[in-house]
Amino acid sequence: MSEQVHIPKRENVRAGVPIPMPSWYHMGGRSVLMTCVNGHSHRLDHTIDDNGGVRPSVQCPNCDYHEFVILDGWVPPTEPA
C-alpha cells in the first residue's frame, strides 16, 4: 500500500450494466461512490483534492481492499460565489 492506485471514472450507473472494478461515480458536489476490486460499492467519506487524490487511504468496509487512490477524471466542484 505504498503507491497511489488510479481509479477510472464510470460515467453511467444503470440497472443491468456491469460495474467496472475498481471504479468511481460522481454523485454531486464532493460526494463519490467507489467500487473496490471485489465489487463492494460504498460512499467515500474522505477529502478529495483538486487533482483527485483521496485522503486518507481508502479501506473497503467489506473486504481487505486498502489503497491510496487517485480518482482519474476528477473535476473539482465549483463553489458557489
N, C-alpha and C. Protein backbone atom coordinates (compact mmCIF):
# COMPACT_ATOMS: atom_id res chain seq x y z
N MET A 1 0.83 -1.18 0.00
CA MET A 1 0.00 0.00 0.00
C MET A 1 0.88 1.25 0.00
N SER A 2 1.88 1.34 -0.82
CA SER A 2 2.75 2.49 -0.81
C SER A 2 2.51 3.43 -1.99
N GLU A 3 2.08 2.93 -3.12
CA GLU A 3 1.86 3.77 -4.29
C GLU A 3 0.37 4.06 -4.45
N GLN A 4 0.10 5.17 -5.14
CA GLN A 4 -1.29 5.52 -5.39
C GLN A 4 -1.84 4.72 -6.56
N VAL A 5 -3.06 4.24 -6.41
CA VAL A 5 -3.74 3.46 -7.43
C VAL A 5 -4.71 4.39 -8.15
N HIS A 6 -4.64 4.40 -9.47
CA HIS A 6 -5.55 5.22 -10.28
C HIS A 6 -6.86 4.46 -10.47
N ILE A 7 -7.96 5.11 -10.13
CA ILE A 7 -9.28 4.50 -10.23
C ILE A 7 -10.04 5.19 -11.37
N PRO A 8 -10.48 4.44 -12.38
CA PRO A 8 -11.20 5.06 -13.50
C PRO A 8 -12.61 5.48 -13.11
N LYS A 9 -13.04 6.55 -13.75
CA LYS A 9 -14.40 7.06 -13.54
C LYS A 9 -15.38 6.28 -14.40
N ARG A 10 -16.54 5.98 -13.84
CA ARG A 10 -17.60 5.39 -14.66
C ARG A 10 -18.65 6.47 -14.87
N GLU A 11 -19.10 6.57 -16.08
CA GLU A 11 -19.99 7.65 -16.47
C GLU A 11 -21.46 7.35 -16.19
N ASN A 12 -21.84 6.10 -16.26
CA ASN A 12 -23.26 5.76 -16.12
C ASN A 12 -23.45 4.70 -15.06
N VAL A 13 -24.50 4.85 -14.30
CA VAL A 13 -24.90 3.82 -13.35
C VAL A 13 -26.34 3.48 -13.70
N ARG A 14 -26.50 2.31 -14.32
CA ARG A 14 -27.83 1.88 -14.75
C ARG A 14 -28.01 0.40 -14.40
N ALA A 15 -29.24 0.05 -14.14
CA ALA A 15 -29.56 -1.35 -13.87
C ALA A 15 -29.20 -2.19 -15.08
N GLY A 16 -28.60 -3.33 -14.83
CA GLY A 16 -28.25 -4.26 -15.89
C GLY A 16 -26.92 -3.98 -16.57
N VAL A 17 -26.26 -2.87 -16.22
CA VAL A 17 -24.96 -2.55 -16.80
C VAL A 17 -23.89 -2.97 -15.79
N PRO A 18 -22.96 -3.83 -16.19
CA PRO A 18 -21.92 -4.27 -15.25
C PRO A 18 -21.09 -3.09 -14.74
N ILE A 19 -20.74 -3.13 -13.47
CA ILE A 19 -19.92 -2.10 -12.86
C ILE A 19 -18.46 -2.50 -12.99
N PRO A 20 -17.63 -1.64 -13.62
CA PRO A 20 -16.20 -1.95 -13.69
C PRO A 20 -15.59 -1.89 -12.29
N MET A 21 -14.61 -2.75 -12.04
CA MET A 21 -13.99 -2.81 -10.73
C MET A 21 -12.49 -2.69 -10.86
N PRO A 22 -11.84 -1.78 -10.16
CA PRO A 22 -12.46 -0.73 -9.36
C PRO A 22 -12.93 0.40 -10.24
N SER A 23 -13.78 1.26 -9.69
CA SER A 23 -14.24 2.44 -10.40
C SER A 23 -14.88 3.40 -9.40
N TRP A 24 -15.17 4.59 -9.90
CA TRP A 24 -15.86 5.57 -9.06
C TRP A 24 -16.91 6.30 -9.87
N TYR A 25 -17.91 6.84 -9.16
CA TYR A 25 -19.01 7.56 -9.78
C TYR A 25 -19.26 8.84 -9.00
N HIS A 26 -19.37 9.98 -9.71
CA HIS A 26 -19.61 11.27 -9.07
C HIS A 26 -21.09 11.42 -8.77
N MET A 27 -21.41 11.61 -7.50
CA MET A 27 -22.80 11.73 -7.07
C MET A 27 -23.23 13.18 -6.87
N GLY A 28 -22.32 14.12 -7.16
CA GLY A 28 -22.63 15.54 -6.97
C GLY A 28 -21.77 16.14 -5.87
N GLY A 29 -21.37 17.39 -6.04
CA GLY A 29 -20.51 18.04 -5.07
C GLY A 29 -19.20 17.28 -4.93
N ARG A 30 -18.84 16.94 -3.71
CA ARG A 30 -17.66 16.11 -3.47
C ARG A 30 -18.06 14.69 -3.04
N SER A 31 -19.29 14.33 -3.33
CA SER A 31 -19.81 13.02 -2.97
C SER A 31 -19.48 11.99 -4.06
N VAL A 32 -18.83 10.90 -3.66
CA VAL A 32 -18.35 9.89 -4.59
C VAL A 32 -18.74 8.49 -4.11
N LEU A 33 -19.21 7.68 -5.06
CA LEU A 33 -19.45 6.26 -4.81
C LEU A 33 -18.31 5.50 -5.46
N MET A 34 -17.60 4.71 -4.68
CA MET A 34 -16.48 3.93 -5.21
C MET A 34 -16.77 2.44 -5.09
N THR A 35 -16.35 1.69 -6.10
CA THR A 35 -16.46 0.23 -6.09
C THR A 35 -15.05 -0.34 -6.04
N CYS A 36 -14.78 -1.19 -5.07
CA CYS A 36 -13.44 -1.78 -4.92
C CYS A 36 -13.24 -2.92 -5.92
N VAL A 37 -12.06 -3.50 -5.92
CA VAL A 37 -11.75 -4.58 -6.85
C VAL A 37 -12.59 -5.83 -6.62
N ASN A 38 -13.20 -5.94 -5.44
CA ASN A 38 -14.03 -7.10 -5.13
C ASN A 38 -15.52 -6.85 -5.34
N GLY A 39 -15.86 -5.67 -5.93
CA GLY A 39 -17.24 -5.39 -6.27
C GLY A 39 -18.08 -4.75 -5.18
N HIS A 40 -17.47 -4.34 -4.08
CA HIS A 40 -18.21 -3.69 -3.00
C HIS A 40 -18.27 -2.19 -3.25
N SER A 41 -19.47 -1.63 -3.30
CA SER A 41 -19.63 -0.20 -3.51
C SER A 41 -19.92 0.49 -2.18
N HIS A 42 -19.30 1.63 -1.98
CA HIS A 42 -19.53 2.41 -0.78
C HIS A 42 -19.21 3.88 -1.05
N ARG A 43 -19.86 4.75 -0.29
CA ARG A 43 -19.65 6.19 -0.43
C ARG A 43 -18.36 6.57 0.29
N LEU A 44 -17.53 7.37 -0.38
CA LEU A 44 -16.30 7.83 0.24
C LEU A 44 -16.60 8.98 1.18
N ASP A 45 -16.10 8.87 2.39
CA ASP A 45 -16.20 9.95 3.38
C ASP A 45 -14.77 10.44 3.61
N HIS A 46 -14.17 10.98 2.54
CA HIS A 46 -12.76 11.34 2.53
C HIS A 46 -12.58 12.74 1.96
N THR A 47 -11.40 13.27 2.10
CA THR A 47 -11.04 14.52 1.46
C THR A 47 -10.53 14.20 0.06
N ILE A 48 -11.03 14.93 -0.94
CA ILE A 48 -10.59 14.75 -2.32
C ILE A 48 -9.97 16.07 -2.77
N ASP A 49 -8.68 16.02 -3.13
CA ASP A 49 -8.03 17.25 -3.57
C ASP A 49 -8.41 17.57 -5.02
N ASP A 50 -7.97 18.73 -5.50
CA ASP A 50 -8.36 19.16 -6.84
C ASP A 50 -7.84 18.26 -7.96
N ASN A 51 -6.83 17.44 -7.67
CA ASN A 51 -6.27 16.51 -8.66
C ASN A 51 -6.84 15.10 -8.54
N GLY A 52 -7.83 14.92 -7.66
CA GLY A 52 -8.45 13.61 -7.49
C GLY A 52 -7.79 12.73 -6.44
N GLY A 53 -6.76 13.23 -5.77
CA GLY A 53 -6.12 12.47 -4.70
C GLY A 53 -7.04 12.36 -3.50
N VAL A 54 -7.18 11.16 -2.95
CA VAL A 54 -8.09 10.90 -1.84
C VAL A 54 -7.29 10.67 -0.57
N ARG A 55 -7.68 11.34 0.50
CA ARG A 55 -7.04 11.18 1.81
C ARG A 55 -8.10 11.06 2.87
N PRO A 56 -7.96 10.24 3.86
CA PRO A 56 -6.89 9.25 3.98
C PRO A 56 -7.07 8.12 2.98
N SER A 57 -6.29 7.08 3.12
CA SER A 57 -6.38 5.94 2.22
C SER A 57 -7.80 5.35 2.27
N VAL A 58 -8.17 4.68 1.18
CA VAL A 58 -9.50 4.08 1.08
C VAL A 58 -9.42 2.63 1.56
N GLN A 59 -10.26 2.32 2.54
CA GLN A 59 -10.35 0.96 3.06
C GLN A 59 -11.79 0.51 2.92
N CYS A 60 -12.00 -0.55 2.14
CA CYS A 60 -13.35 -1.07 1.95
C CYS A 60 -13.86 -1.62 3.28
N PRO A 61 -15.10 -1.28 3.65
CA PRO A 61 -15.65 -1.80 4.89
C PRO A 61 -16.06 -3.28 4.82
N ASN A 62 -16.01 -3.87 3.60
CA ASN A 62 -16.49 -5.25 3.42
C ASN A 62 -15.41 -6.26 3.09
N CYS A 63 -14.17 -5.80 2.85
CA CYS A 63 -13.10 -6.74 2.50
C CYS A 63 -11.75 -6.12 2.86
N ASP A 64 -10.68 -6.73 2.40
CA ASP A 64 -9.34 -6.26 2.77
C ASP A 64 -8.76 -5.24 1.79
N TYR A 65 -9.56 -4.71 0.85
CA TYR A 65 -9.07 -3.69 -0.07
C TYR A 65 -8.69 -2.45 0.73
N HIS A 66 -7.44 -1.98 0.55
CA HIS A 66 -6.95 -0.82 1.29
C HIS A 66 -5.84 -0.18 0.47
N GLU A 67 -6.13 1.00 -0.12
CA GLU A 67 -5.17 1.65 -1.02
C GLU A 67 -5.25 3.16 -0.90
N PHE A 68 -4.15 3.83 -1.24
CA PHE A 68 -4.17 5.25 -1.52
C PHE A 68 -4.59 5.39 -2.97
N VAL A 69 -5.62 6.21 -3.24
CA VAL A 69 -6.15 6.24 -4.60
C VAL A 69 -6.19 7.66 -5.17
N ILE A 70 -6.19 7.71 -6.50
CA ILE A 70 -6.43 8.93 -7.27
C ILE A 70 -7.64 8.65 -8.16
N LEU A 71 -8.61 9.55 -8.12
CA LEU A 71 -9.81 9.41 -8.94
C LEU A 71 -9.52 10.01 -10.31
N ASP A 72 -9.26 9.16 -11.29
CA ASP A 72 -8.99 9.63 -12.65
C ASP A 72 -10.23 10.33 -13.20
N GLY A 73 -10.02 11.48 -13.84
CA GLY A 73 -11.13 12.22 -14.42
C GLY A 73 -11.85 13.12 -13.44
N TRP A 74 -11.34 13.23 -12.21
CA TRP A 74 -11.99 14.08 -11.21
C TRP A 74 -11.95 15.55 -11.63
N VAL A 75 -13.08 16.20 -11.57
CA VAL A 75 -13.17 17.63 -11.79
C VAL A 75 -13.75 18.22 -10.51
N PRO A 76 -12.97 19.07 -9.82
CA PRO A 76 -13.48 19.60 -8.56
C PRO A 76 -14.75 20.41 -8.77
N PRO A 77 -15.69 20.30 -7.83
CA PRO A 77 -16.92 21.09 -7.98
C PRO A 77 -16.62 22.57 -7.81
N THR A 78 -17.39 23.38 -8.50
CA THR A 78 -17.25 24.82 -8.34
C THR A 78 -18.02 25.23 -7.09
N GLU A 79 -17.39 26.06 -6.31
CA GLU A 79 -18.02 26.54 -5.09
C GLU A 79 -18.95 27.70 -5.43
N PRO A 80 -20.08 27.80 -4.75
CA PRO A 80 -20.97 28.93 -5.02
C PRO A 80 -20.28 30.24 -4.67
N ALA A 81 -20.52 31.27 -5.48
CA ALA A 81 -19.89 32.58 -5.25
C ALA A 81 -20.53 33.33 -4.11
